[in-house]
Amino acid sequence: MTTADPVLPRPRPIAMGGLAAVRRNPLLVVLVAMVLVFQLTTGSFLDPANLSGIATDAATLAIVAVPLALLVISGYLDLSVGSTLALGGLVGGWLAGQHHQSPAIALLGALAAGALVGAVNGVLCCWFGLSAFIVTLGMLTAVRGLAQQLFPLPLSGFGSGFAWIGGARVAGIAAPVVIAALVLAAGALFLAITPAGRHVFAIGVNREAAHLSGIHVRRTPFALFVATGVAAALAGAIKASVLDSAVAGTSGAGFELTVLTAVLLGGVALTGGSGSILGVLLGVLFLGGLQNGLTLLNVPTFWQQMAQGTALVAGAALAYFAPRTGR
């Protein structure tokens, strides 16, 4: 009697597994289709230099998207990341350029500013029970106003040392890309293997039930608020180091919508309790590729903004309907 070779994979389970993976991450199909369209229309989308540029540009988005995704999974939200990004870049650049501090001190100052914003959000939302939407929307304006008050004039000339933060290369790879990869890996491992990662889902699904089961329903989201603030400030420092300038009124403007779009496109439910870091990565790559492809096609800026707005609506719809379709 002939038996199947146990070493050879079985076609049906693999096919079904592939379909299940697509159902869990429908954005993957859209991403592949977008790449093919842009390659056929531009002829240069898949060039190594262009792909490297996409990865570098999307790195700061990924750095912030990971902790924000964890925060949204836990049932909260942070709309102040754009203003926090601006404040972090300004503080870091000010310390490096105006006070000639070392890159390490300048970066620590930027991260401290971000942590402070995140802590304020966390205290108001987690301990006082205020609406995260209202609090962080207010902080978006307040932090932007604070940045404009502290730094009314544009800052520039931060020095070669500070430029190293965003311009260094590690094994030939841009430092922001390496940092983003580490953040993505840390976020994935946090959700997959740590008790706190499981608590994030539990809090997002049912806060009261999580509290009754002994989970610290305030401590974990508070830490995520702080982590999100730190990540936004880090992204701001990277952007400021790359541009060698920072402007309080425009730096990071609209960034909160871009990063939220990436999170929602990645399948993170805005109501909490569902999401994955792989999905967030796909959302980041989709937005980075979309902007790059439209730029290569010389599409006007207002059309690019419309495309991003449409992506945000699509991401919200995906996050709303995905749990109802068995994702």
C-alpha atoms as a PDB file:
ATOM      1  CA  MET A   1       0.000   0.000   0.000  1.00  0.00           C
ATOM      2  CA  THR A   2       1.423   3.370  -1.017  1.00  0.00           C
ATOM      3  CA  THR A   3       1.617   6.031   1.662  1.00  0.00           C
ATOM      4  CA  ALA A   4       2.234   9.707   1.356  1.00  0.00           C
ATOM      5  CA  ASP A   5       5.741  10.936   1.985  1.00  0.00           C
ATOM      6  CA  PRO A   6       5.619  12.535   5.453  1.00  0.00           C
ATOM      7  CA  VAL A   7       8.345  14.984   4.451  1.00  0.00           C
ATOM      8  CA  LEU A   8       6.354  16.516   1.594  1.00  0.00           C
ATOM      9  CA  PRO A   9       3.855  19.213   2.595  1.00  0.00           C
ATOM     10  CA  ARG A  10       0.205  18.580   2.042  1.00  0.00           C
ATOM     11  CA  PRO A  11      -1.204  20.907  -0.619  1.00  0.00           C
ATOM     12  CA  ARG A  12      -4.636  21.394   0.888  1.00  0.00           C
ATOM     13  CA  PRO A  13      -3.582  22.433   4.402  1.00  0.00           C
ATOM     14  CA  ILE A  14      -0.990  24.833   2.963  1.00  0.00           C
ATOM     15  CA  ALA A  15      -3.546  26.371   0.628  1.00  0.00           C
ATOM     16  CA  MET A  16      -6.055  26.695   3.428  1.00  0.00           C
ATOM     17  CA  GLY A  17      -3.381  28.178   5.675  1.00  0.00           C
ATOM     18  CA  GLY A  18      -2.523  30.704   2.992  1.00  0.00           C
ATOM     19  CA  LEU A  19      -6.166  31.693   2.600  1.00  0.00           C
ATOM     20  CA  ALA A  20      -6.490  32.030   6.361  1.00  0.00           C
ATOM     21  CA  ALA A  21      -3.429  34.282   6.432  1.00  0.00           C
ATOM     22  CA  VAL A  22      -4.955  36.459   3.709  1.00  0.00           C
ATOM     23  CA  ARG A  23      -8.244  36.670   5.620  1.00  0.00           C
ATOM     24  CA  ARG A  24      -6.364  37.753   8.735  1.00  0.00           C
ATOM     25  CA  ASN A  25      -4.375  40.354   6.798  1.00  0.00           C
ATOM     26  CA  PRO A  26      -6.416  41.452   3.753  1.00  0.00           C
ATOM     27  CA  LEU A  27      -4.189  44.496   3.400  1.00  0.00           C
ATOM     28  CA  LEU A  28      -1.438  42.156   2.199  1.00  0.00           C
ATOM     29  CA  VAL A  29      -3.313  41.562  -1.068  1.00  0.00           C
ATOM     30  CA  VAL A  30      -3.895  45.295  -1.517  1.00  0.00           C
ATOM     31  CA  LEU A  31      -0.226  45.998  -0.793  1.00  0.00           C
ATOM     32  CA  VAL A  32       0.975  43.491  -3.395  1.00  0.00           C
ATOM     33  CA  ALA A  33      -1.459  44.873  -5.981  1.00  0.00           C
ATOM     34  CA  MET A  34      -0.308  48.435  -5.261  1.00  0.00           C
ATOM     35  CA  VAL A  35       3.346  47.470  -5.675  1.00  0.00           C
ATOM     36  CA  LEU A  36       2.630  45.802  -9.038  1.00  0.00           C
ATOM     37  CA  VAL A  37       0.663  48.812 -10.292  1.00  0.00           C
ATOM     38  CA  PHE A  38       3.344  51.308  -9.296  1.00  0.00           C
ATOM     39  CA  GLN A  39       6.107  49.155 -10.776  1.00  0.00           C
ATOM     40  CA  LEU A  40       4.261  48.844 -14.091  1.00  0.00           C
ATOM     41  CA  THR A  41       3.451  52.554 -14.251  1.00  0.00           C
ATOM     42  CA  THR A  42       6.774  53.967 -13.046  1.00  0.00           C
ATOM     43  CA  GLY A  43       9.289  51.273 -13.923  1.00  0.00           C
ATOM     44  CA  SER A  44      11.427  52.246 -10.938  1.00  0.00           C
ATOM     45  CA  PHE A  45       9.279  51.564  -7.890  1.00  0.00           C
ATOM     46  CA  LEU A  46      11.125  48.327  -7.042  1.00  0.00           C
ATOM     47  CA  ASP A  47      14.589  49.758  -7.597  1.00  0.00           C
ATOM     48  CA  PRO A  48      16.757  49.080  -4.517  1.00  0.00           C
ATOM     49  CA  ALA A  49      17.452  52.798  -4.036  1.00  0.00           C
ATOM     50  CA  ASN A  50      13.741  53.613  -4.088  1.00  0.00           C
ATOM     51  CA  LEU A  51      12.850  50.781  -1.711  1.00  0.00           C
ATOM     52  CA  SER A  52      15.574  51.997   0.643  1.00  0.00           C
ATOM     53  CA  GLY A  53      14.048  55.473   0.504  1.00  0.00           C
ATOM     54  CA  ILE A  54      10.586  54.099   1.312  1.00  0.00           C
ATOM     55  CA  ALA A  55      11.947  52.197   4.305  1.00  0.00           C
ATOM     56  CA  THR A  56      13.796  55.245   5.623  1.00  0.00           C
ATOM     57  CA  ASP A  57      10.796  57.535   5.216  1.00  0.00           C
ATOM     58  CA  ALA A  58       8.445  55.011   6.836  1.00  0.00           C
ATOM     59  CA  ALA A  59      10.770  54.298   9.772  1.00  0.00           C
ATOM     60  CA  THR A  60       9.564  57.155  11.975  1.00  0.00           C
ATOM     61  CA  LEU A  61       5.962  56.189  11.230  1.00  0.00           C
ATOM     62  CA  ALA A  62       6.633  52.611  12.341  1.00  0.00           C
ATOM     63  CA  ILE A  63       8.402  53.742  15.518  1.00  0.00           C
ATOM     64  CA  VAL A  64       5.274  55.561  16.681  1.00  0.00           C
ATOM     65  CA  ALA A  65       2.714  53.185  15.175  1.00  0.00           C
ATOM     66  CA  VAL A  66       3.794  50.223  17.322  1.00  0.00           C
ATOM     67  CA  PRO A  67       3.189  51.714  20.804  1.00  0.00           C
ATOM     68  CA  LEU A  68       0.122  53.564  19.528  1.00  0.00           C
ATOM     69  CA  ALA A  69      -1.278  50.265  18.242  1.00  0.00           C
ATOM     70  CA  LEU A  70      -0.730  48.671  21.657  1.00  0.00           C
ATOM     71  CA  LEU A  71      -2.484  51.631  23.260  1.00  0.00           C
ATOM     72  CA  VAL A  72      -5.459  51.334  20.885  1.00  0.00           C
ATOM     73  CA  ILE A  73      -5.660  47.579  21.507  1.00  0.00           C
ATOM     74  CA  SER A  74      -5.931  48.347  25.225  1.00  0.00           C
ATOM     75  CA  GLY A  75      -8.927  50.568  24.494  1.00  0.00           C
ATOM     76  CA  TYR A  76      -7.281  54.003  24.544  1.00  0.00           C
ATOM     77  CA  LEU A  77      -6.089  56.525  21.956  1.00  0.00           C
ATOM     78  CA  ASP A  78      -3.444  59.242  21.627  1.00  0.00           C
ATOM     79  CA  LEU A  79      -4.057  62.072  19.165  1.00  0.00           C
ATOM     80  CA  SER A  80      -1.237  64.239  20.517  1.00  0.00           C
ATOM     81  CA  VAL A  81       1.639  62.328  18.877  1.00  0.00           C
ATOM     82  CA  GLY A  82       2.112  64.917  16.114  1.00  0.00           C
ATOM     83  CA  SER A  83       2.610  67.761  18.589  1.00  0.00           C
ATOM     84  CA  THR A  84       4.771  65.536  20.789  1.00  0.00           C
ATOM     85  CA  LEU A  85       6.912  64.762  17.757  1.00  0.00           C
ATOM     86  CA  ALA A  86       7.392  68.492  17.178  1.00  0.00           C
ATOM     87  CA  LEU A  87       8.256  69.147  20.832  1.00  0.00           C
ATOM     88  CA  GLY A  88      10.746  66.280  20.934  1.00  0.00           C
ATOM     89  CA  GLY A  89      12.522  67.466  17.803  1.00  0.00           C
ATOM     90  CA  LEU A  90      12.665  71.047  19.054  1.00  0.00           C
ATOM     91  CA  VAL A  91      13.978  70.130  22.509  1.00  0.00           C
ATOM     92  CA  GLY A  92      16.617  67.800  21.069  1.00  0.00           C
ATOM     93  CA  GLY A  93      17.700  70.307  18.434  1.00  0.00           C
ATOM     94  CA  TRP A  94      17.743  73.156  20.973  1.00  0.00           C
ATOM     95  CA  LEU A  95      19.993  71.219  23.347  1.00  0.00           C
ATOM     96  CA  ALA A  96      22.340  70.191  20.541  1.00  0.00           C
ATOM     97  CA  GLY A  97      22.407  73.439  18.578  1.00  0.00           C
ATOM     98  CA  GLN A  98      21.901  76.208  21.129  1.00  0.00           C
ATOM     99  CA  HIS A  99      23.545  74.612  24.150  1.00  0.00           C
ATOM    100  CA  HIS A 100      26.078  72.405  22.332  1.00  0.00           C
ATOM    101  CA  GLN A 101      25.157  69.306  24.313  1.00  0.00           C
ATOM    102  CA  SER A 102      26.240  65.860  23.191  1.00  0.00           C
ATOM    103  CA  PRO A 103      23.870  63.883  20.939  1.00  0.00           C
ATOM    104  CA  ALA A 104      23.142  61.526  23.851  1.00  0.00           C
ATOM    105  CA  ILE A 105      22.097  64.385  26.166  1.00  0.00           C
ATOM    106  CA  ALA A 106      20.062  66.039  23.414  1.00  0.00           C
ATOM    107  CA  LEU A 107      18.279  62.763  22.654  1.00  0.00           C
ATOM    108  CA  LEU A 108      17.597  62.103  26.347  1.00  0.00           C
ATOM    109  CA  GLY A 109      16.124  65.588  26.659  1.00  0.00           C
ATOM    110  CA  ALA A 110      13.824  64.950  23.716  1.00  0.00           C
ATOM    111  CA  LEU A 111      12.727  61.579  25.127  1.00  0.00           C
ATOM    112  CA  ALA A 112      12.092  63.136  28.538  1.00  0.00           C
ATOM    113  CA  ALA A 113       9.809  65.738  26.939  1.00  0.00           C
ATOM    114  CA  GLY A 114       7.876  62.965  25.186  1.00  0.00           C
ATOM    115  CA  ALA A 115       7.650  60.912  28.374  1.00  0.00           C
ATOM    116  CA  LEU A 116       6.250  63.925  30.228  1.00  0.00           C
ATOM    117  CA  VAL A 117       3.505  64.430  27.637  1.00  0.00           C
ATOM    118  CA  GLY A 118       2.692  60.719  27.726  1.00  0.00           C
ATOM    119  CA  ALA A 119       2.580  60.717  31.525  1.00  0.00           C
ATOM    120  CA  VAL A 120       0.138  63.632  31.599  1.00  0.00           C
ATOM    121  CA  ASN A 121      -2.095  61.821  29.103  1.00  0.00           C
ATOM    122  CA  GLY A 122      -1.820  58.611  31.108  1.00  0.00           C
ATOM    123  CA  VAL A 123      -2.686  60.184  34.446  1.00  0.00           C
ATOM    124  CA  LEU A 124      -5.716  62.020  33.068  1.00  0.00           C
ATOM    125  CA  CYS A 125      -7.034  59.019  31.128  1.00  0.00           C
ATOM    126  CA  CYS A 126      -6.077  56.043  33.295  1.00  0.00           C
ATOM    127  CA  TRP A 127      -6.328  57.430  36.837  1.00  0.00           C
ATOM    128  CA  PHE A 128      -8.922  60.171  36.432  1.00  0.00           C
ATOM    129  CA  GLY A 129     -10.952  58.233  33.884  1.00  0.00           C
ATOM    130  CA  LEU A 130     -11.287  61.067  31.383  1.00  0.00           C
ATOM    131  CA  SER A 131     -11.998  60.367  27.733  1.00  0.00           C
ATOM    132  CA  ALA A 132      -8.758  59.588  25.887  1.00  0.00           C
ATOM    133  CA  PHE A 133     -10.167  61.178  22.740  1.00  0.00           C
ATOM    134  CA  ILE A 134     -10.953  64.482  24.478  1.00  0.00           C
ATOM    135  CA  VAL A 135      -7.777  64.557  26.583  1.00  0.00           C
ATOM    136  CA  THR A 136      -5.337  63.812  23.775  1.00  0.00           C
ATOM    137  CA  LEU A 137      -7.176  66.078  21.342  1.00  0.00           C
ATOM    138  CA  GLY A 138      -6.757  68.860  23.874  1.00  0.00           C
ATOM    139  CA  MET A 139      -3.109  67.925  24.411  1.00  0.00           C
ATOM    140  CA  LEU A 140      -2.549  68.046  20.665  1.00  0.00           C
ATOM    141  CA  THR A 141      -3.341  71.772  20.775  1.00  0.00           C
ATOM    142  CA  ALA A 142      -1.772  72.445  24.185  1.00  0.00           C
ATOM    143  CA  VAL A 143       1.564  70.817  23.384  1.00  0.00           C
ATOM    144  CA  ARG A 144       1.712  72.557  20.010  1.00  0.00           C
ATOM    145  CA  GLY A 145       1.043  75.873  21.740  1.00  0.00           C
ATOM    146  CA  LEU A 146       3.721  75.122  24.347  1.00  0.00           C
ATOM    147  CA  ALA A 147       6.228  74.336  21.604  1.00  0.00           C
ATOM    148  CA  GLN A 148       5.436  77.623  19.851  1.00  0.00           C
ATOM    149  CA  GLN A 149       5.765  79.526  23.116  1.00  0.00           C
ATOM    150  CA  LEU A 150       9.122  77.957  23.980  1.00  0.00           C
ATOM    151  CA  PHE A 151      10.497  78.079  20.435  1.00  0.00           C
ATOM    152  CA  PRO A 152       8.814  80.939  18.562  1.00  0.00           C
ATOM    153  CA  LEU A 153      11.511  80.970  15.875  1.00  0.00           C
ATOM    154  CA  PRO A 154      12.588  78.066  13.644  1.00  0.00           C
ATOM    155  CA  LEU A 155      15.644  76.185  14.902  1.00  0.00           C
ATOM    156  CA  SER A 156      18.456  74.950  12.661  1.00  0.00           C
ATOM    157  CA  GLY A 157      22.150  74.149  12.666  1.00  0.00           C
ATOM    158  CA  PHE A 158      22.157  71.307  15.184  1.00  0.00           C
ATOM    159  CA  GLY A 159      25.651  70.096  14.332  1.00  0.00           C
ATOM    160  CA  SER A 160      27.126  66.949  12.839  1.00  0.00           C
ATOM    161  CA  GLY A 161      26.851  65.065  16.116  1.00  0.00           C
ATOM    162  CA  PHE A 162      23.088  65.436  16.301  1.00  0.00           C
ATOM    163  CA  ALA A 163      22.806  64.618  12.581  1.00  0.00           C
ATOM    164  CA  TRP A 164      24.235  61.199  13.433  1.00  0.00           C
ATOM    165  CA  ILE A 165      20.934  60.194  15.094  1.00  0.00           C
ATOM    166  CA  GLY A 166      19.095  60.098  11.792  1.00  0.00           C
ATOM    167  CA  GLY A 167      21.991  59.815   9.370  1.00  0.00           C
ATOM    168  CA  ALA A 168      24.097  56.989  10.801  1.00  0.00           C
ATOM    169  CA  ARG A 169      24.194  53.597   9.142  1.00  0.00           C
ATOM    170  CA  VAL A 170      24.389  50.212  10.852  1.00  0.00           C
ATOM    171  CA  ALA A 171      25.786  47.475   8.626  1.00  0.00           C
ATOM    172  CA  GLY A 172      24.859  49.605   5.637  1.00  0.00           C
ATOM    173  CA  ILE A 173      21.271  50.140   6.845  1.00  0.00           C
ATOM    174  CA  ALA A 174      19.983  53.567   7.870  1.00  0.00           C
ATOM    175  CA  ALA A 175      19.804  53.924  11.641  1.00  0.00           C
ATOM    176  CA  PRO A 176      16.089  54.912  11.661  1.00  0.00           C
ATOM    177  CA  VAL A 177      15.264  51.679   9.808  1.00  0.00           C
ATOM    178  CA  VAL A 178      17.239  49.648  12.352  1.00  0.00           C
ATOM    179  CA  ILE A 179      15.465  51.409  15.223  1.00  0.00           C
ATOM    180  CA  ALA A 180      12.075  50.802  13.590  1.00  0.00           C
ATOM    181  CA  ALA A 181      12.888  47.105  13.119  1.00  0.00           C
ATOM    182  CA  LEU A 182      13.842  46.804  16.785  1.00  0.00           C
ATOM    183  CA  VAL A 183      10.639  48.552  17.873  1.00  0.00           C
ATOM    184  CA  LEU A 184       8.529  46.270  15.655  1.00  0.00           C
ATOM    185  CA  ALA A 185      10.281  43.158  17.001  1.00  0.00           C
ATOM    186  CA  ALA A 186       9.909  44.340  20.598  1.00  0.00           C
ATOM    187  CA  GLY A 187       6.216  45.070  20.079  1.00  0.00           C
ATOM    188  CA  ALA A 188       5.569  41.674  18.517  1.00  0.00           C
ATOM    189  CA  LEU A 189       7.402  39.833  21.295  1.00  0.00           C
ATOM    190  CA  PHE A 190       5.644  41.919  23.944  1.00  0.00           C
ATOM    191  CA  LEU A 191       2.231  40.868  22.653  1.00  0.00           C
ATOM    192  CA  ALA A 192       3.194  37.252  21.986  1.00  0.00           C
ATOM    193  CA  ILE A 193       5.132  36.090  25.035  1.00  0.00           C
ATOM    194  CA  THR A 194       4.656  38.464  27.967  1.00  0.00           C
ATOM    195  CA  PRO A 195       1.822  38.468  30.503  1.00  0.00           C
ATOM    196  CA  ALA A 196       1.544  42.245  30.074  1.00  0.00           C
ATOM    197  CA  GLY A 197       0.930  41.691  26.372  1.00  0.00           C
ATOM    198  CA  ARG A 198      -1.985  39.407  27.132  1.00  0.00           C
ATOM    199  CA  HIS A 199      -3.243  41.960  29.635  1.00  0.00           C
ATOM    200  CA  VAL A 200      -3.347  44.581  26.859  1.00  0.00           C
ATOM    201  CA  PHE A 201      -5.869  42.466  24.952  1.00  0.00           C
ATOM    202  CA  ALA A 202      -7.841  41.651  28.091  1.00  0.00           C
ATOM    203  CA  ILE A 203      -8.163  45.316  29.067  1.00  0.00           C
ATOM    204  CA  GLY A 204      -9.247  46.235  25.561  1.00  0.00           C
ATOM    205  CA  VAL A 205     -11.885  43.509  25.418  1.00  0.00           C
ATOM    206  CA  ASN A 206     -13.458  44.118  28.836  1.00  0.00           C
ATOM    207  CA  ARG A 207     -11.857  46.485  31.329  1.00  0.00           C
ATOM    208  CA  GLU A 208     -14.103  45.501  34.242  1.00  0.00           C
ATOM    209  CA  ALA A 209     -13.591  41.777  33.719  1.00  0.00           C
ATOM    210  CA  ALA A 210      -9.840  42.329  33.482  1.00  0.00           C
ATOM    211  CA  HIS A 211      -9.907  44.253  36.765  1.00  0.00           C
ATOM    212  CA  LEU A 212     -11.857  41.494  38.493  1.00  0.00           C
ATOM    213  CA  SER A 213      -9.305  38.935  37.291  1.00  0.00           C
ATOM    214  CA  GLY A 214      -6.495  40.825  38.990  1.00  0.00           C
ATOM    215  CA  ILE A 215      -5.044  42.740  36.030  1.00  0.00           C
ATOM    216  CA  HIS A 216      -3.722  46.253  36.670  1.00  0.00           C
ATOM    217  CA  VAL A 217      -6.091  48.067  34.316  1.00  0.00           C
ATOM    218  CA  ARG A 218      -4.481  51.448  35.005  1.00  0.00           C
ATOM    219  CA  ARG A 219      -0.784  50.649  35.154  1.00  0.00           C
ATOM    220  CA  THR A 220      -0.456  48.935  31.778  1.00  0.00           C
ATOM    221  CA  PRO A 221      -2.266  51.602  29.691  1.00  0.00           C
ATOM    222  CA  PHE A 222      -0.365  54.321  31.582  1.00  0.00           C
ATOM    223  CA  ALA A 223       2.925  52.716  30.585  1.00  0.00           C
ATOM    224  CA  LEU A 224       1.713  52.562  26.991  1.00  0.00           C
ATOM    225  CA  PHE A 225       0.834  56.271  27.044  1.00  0.00           C
ATOM    226  CA  VAL A 226       4.373  57.042  28.226  1.00  0.00           C
ATOM    227  CA  ALA A 227       5.875  54.702  25.625  1.00  0.00           C
ATOM    228  CA  THR A 228       3.847  56.385  22.886  1.00  0.00           C
ATOM    229  CA  GLY A 229       5.058  59.810  23.997  1.00  0.00           C
ATOM    230  CA  VAL A 230       8.671  58.630  24.073  1.00  0.00           C
ATOM    231  CA  ALA A 231       8.337  57.075  20.615  1.00  0.00           C
ATOM    232  CA  ALA A 232       6.834  60.267  19.181  1.00  0.00           C
ATOM    233  CA  ALA A 233       9.659  62.350  20.656  1.00  0.00           C
ATOM    234  CA  LEU A 234      12.216  59.900  19.267  1.00  0.00           C
ATOM    235  CA  ALA A 235      10.632  60.225  15.831  1.00  0.00           C
ATOM    236  CA  GLY A 236      10.796  64.000  16.207  1.00  0.00           C
ATOM    237  CA  ALA A 237      14.482  63.891  17.103  1.00  0.00           C
ATOM    238  CA  ILE A 238      15.186  61.684  14.082  1.00  0.00           C
ATOM    239  CA  LYS A 239      13.316  64.017  11.736  1.00  0.00           C
ATOM    240  CA  ALA A 240      15.026  67.086  13.182  1.00  0.00           C
ATOM    241  CA  SER A 241      18.450  65.471  12.817  1.00  0.00           C
ATOM    242  CA  VAL A 242      17.778  64.521   9.196  1.00  0.00           C
ATOM    243  CA  LEU A 243      16.417  67.954   8.245  1.00  0.00           C
ATOM    244  CA  ASP A 244      18.820  69.854  10.538  1.00  0.00           C
ATOM    245  CA  SER A 245      15.876  72.088  11.401  1.00  0.00           C
ATOM    246  CA  ALA A 246      12.621  72.132  13.340  1.00  0.00           C
ATOM    247  CA  VAL A 247       9.641  74.495  13.260  1.00  0.00           C
ATOM    248  CA  ALA A 248       7.146  74.562  16.120  1.00  0.00           C
ATOM    249  CA  GLY A 249       4.169  75.431  13.949  1.00  0.00           C
ATOM    250  CA  THR A 250       4.604  72.830  11.207  1.00  0.00           C
ATOM    251  CA  SER A 251       6.774  69.958  12.446  1.00  0.00           C
ATOM    252  CA  GLY A 252       4.647  66.839  12.781  1.00  0.00           C
ATOM    253  CA  ALA A 253       1.469  68.613  11.638  1.00  0.00           C
ATOM    254  CA  GLY A 254      -1.060  65.942  10.630  1.00  0.00           C
ATOM    255  CA  PHE A 255       1.244  63.138  11.769  1.00  0.00           C
ATOM    256  CA  GLU A 256      -1.345  61.889  14.257  1.00  0.00           C
ATOM    257  CA  LEU A 257      -3.769  61.129  11.414  1.00  0.00           C
ATOM    258  CA  THR A 258      -1.075  59.417   9.355  1.00  0.00           C
ATOM    259  CA  VAL A 259      -0.001  57.103  12.162  1.00  0.00           C
ATOM    260  CA  LEU A 260      -3.611  56.384  13.141  1.00  0.00           C
ATOM    261  CA  THR A 261      -4.319  55.496   9.505  1.00  0.00           C
ATOM    262  CA  ALA A 262      -1.441  52.999   9.538  1.00  0.00           C
ATOM    263  CA  VAL A 263      -2.727  51.450  12.762  1.00  0.00           C
ATOM    264  CA  LEU A 264      -6.312  51.112  11.514  1.00  0.00           C
ATOM    265  CA  LEU A 265      -5.229  49.817   8.104  1.00  0.00           C
ATOM    266  CA  GLY A 266      -3.235  47.206   9.986  1.00  0.00           C
ATOM    267  CA  GLY A 267      -6.455  45.800  11.398  1.00  0.00           C
ATOM    268  CA  VAL A 268      -6.264  47.218  14.916  1.00  0.00           C
ATOM    269  CA  ALA A 269      -9.810  47.693  16.184  1.00  0.00           C
ATOM    270  CA  LEU A 270     -10.457  51.263  17.301  1.00  0.00           C
ATOM    271  CA  THR A 271     -12.742  49.856  20.003  1.00  0.00           C
ATOM    272  CA  GLY A 272      -9.838  47.846  21.441  1.00  0.00           C
ATOM    273  CA  GLY A 273      -9.108  44.185  22.050  1.00  0.00           C
ATOM    274  CA  SER A 274      -7.897  43.236  18.571  1.00  0.00           C
ATOM    275  CA  GLY A 275      -4.819  43.797  16.435  1.00  0.00           C
ATOM    276  CA  SER A 276      -1.327  42.608  15.570  1.00  0.00           C
ATOM    277  CA  ILE A 277       2.109  44.102  14.969  1.00  0.00           C
ATOM    278  CA  LEU A 278       2.315  42.338  11.592  1.00  0.00           C
ATOM    279  CA  GLY A 279      -0.816  44.182  10.529  1.00  0.00           C
ATOM    280  CA  VAL A 280       0.674  47.477  11.717  1.00  0.00           C
ATOM    281  CA  LEU A 281       3.802  46.803   9.654  1.00  0.00           C
ATOM    282  CA  LEU A 282       1.651  46.208   6.581  1.00  0.00           C
ATOM    283  CA  GLY A 283      -0.213  49.458   7.256  1.00  0.00           C
ATOM    284  CA  VAL A 284       3.049  51.389   7.532  1.00  0.00           C
ATOM    285  CA  LEU A 285       4.427  49.851   4.334  1.00  0.00           C
ATOM    286  CA  PHE A 286       1.183  50.553   2.492  1.00  0.00           C
ATOM    287  CA  LEU A 287       1.174  54.242   3.419  1.00  0.00           C
ATOM    288  CA  GLY A 288       4.891  54.605   2.703  1.00  0.00           C
ATOM    289  CA  GLY A 289       4.552  52.895  -0.654  1.00  0.00           C
ATOM    290  CA  LEU A 290       1.421  54.848  -1.560  1.00  0.00           C
ATOM    291  CA  GLN A 291       3.040  58.221  -0.919  1.00  0.00           C
ATOM    292  CA  ASN A 292       6.227  57.238  -2.736  1.00  0.00           C
ATOM    293  CA  GLY A 293       4.399  55.841  -5.748  1.00  0.00           C
ATOM    294  CA  LEU A 294       2.185  58.877  -6.099  1.00  0.00           C
ATOM    295  CA  THR A 295       5.255  61.106  -5.850  1.00  0.00           C
ATOM    296  CA  LEU A 296       7.009  59.129  -8.584  1.00  0.00           C
ATOM    297  CA  LEU A 297       3.941  59.641 -10.766  1.00  0.00           C
ATOM    298  CA  ASN A 298       4.067  63.398 -10.063  1.00  0.00           C
ATOM    299  CA  VAL A 299       0.589  63.339  -8.556  1.00  0.00           C
ATOM    300  CA  PRO A 300      -0.280  66.760  -7.045  1.00  0.00           C
ATOM    301  CA  THR A 301      -0.096  67.071  -3.269  1.00  0.00           C
ATOM    302  CA  PHE A 302      -3.832  67.623  -2.818  1.00  0.00           C
ATOM    303  CA  TRP A 303      -4.556  64.312  -4.573  1.00  0.00           C
ATOM    304  CA  GLN A 304      -2.059  62.610  -2.270  1.00  0.00           C
ATOM    305  CA  GLN A 305      -3.887  64.080   0.713  1.00  0.00           C
ATOM    306  CA  MET A 306      -7.182  62.802  -0.663  1.00  0.00           C
ATOM    307  CA  ALA A 307      -5.654  59.348  -1.089  1.00  0.00           C
ATOM    308  CA  GLN A 308      -4.435  59.348   2.510  1.00  0.00           C
ATOM    309  CA  GLY A 309      -7.847  60.487   3.754  1.00  0.00           C
ATOM    310  CA  THR A 310      -9.503  57.722   1.755  1.00  0.00           C
ATOM    311  CA  ALA A 311      -7.053  55.250   3.277  1.00  0.00           C
ATOM    312  CA  LEU A 312      -8.044  56.428   6.758  1.00  0.00           C
ATOM    313  CA  VAL A 313     -11.722  55.809   6.006  1.00  0.00           C
ATOM    314  CA  ALA A 314     -10.865  52.402   4.520  1.00  0.00           C
ATOM    315  CA  GLY A 315      -8.807  51.565   7.597  1.00  0.00           C
ATOM    316  CA  ALA A 316     -11.657  52.494   9.920  1.00  0.00           C
ATOM    317  CA  ALA A 317     -14.041  50.351   7.869  1.00  0.00           C
ATOM    318  CA  LEU A 318     -11.582  47.460   7.883  1.00  0.00           C
ATOM    319  CA  ALA A 319     -11.138  47.690  11.634  1.00  0.00           C
ATOM    320  CA  TYR A 320     -14.939  47.806  12.113  1.00  0.00           C
ATOM    321  CA  PHE A 321     -15.945  44.952   9.830  1.00  0.00           C
ATOM    322  CA  ALA A 322     -12.958  42.617  10.325  1.00  0.00           C
ATOM    323  CA  PRO A 323     -14.147  41.210  13.692  1.00  0.00           C
ATOM    324  CA  ARG A 324     -17.517  40.513  12.106  1.00  0.00           C
ATOM    325  CA  THR A 325     -15.967  38.492   9.290  1.00  0.00           C
ATOM    326  CA  GLY A 326     -14.002  36.190  11.508  1.00  0.00           C
ATOM    327  CA  ARG A 327     -10.627  37.827  11.447  1.00  0.00           C
END
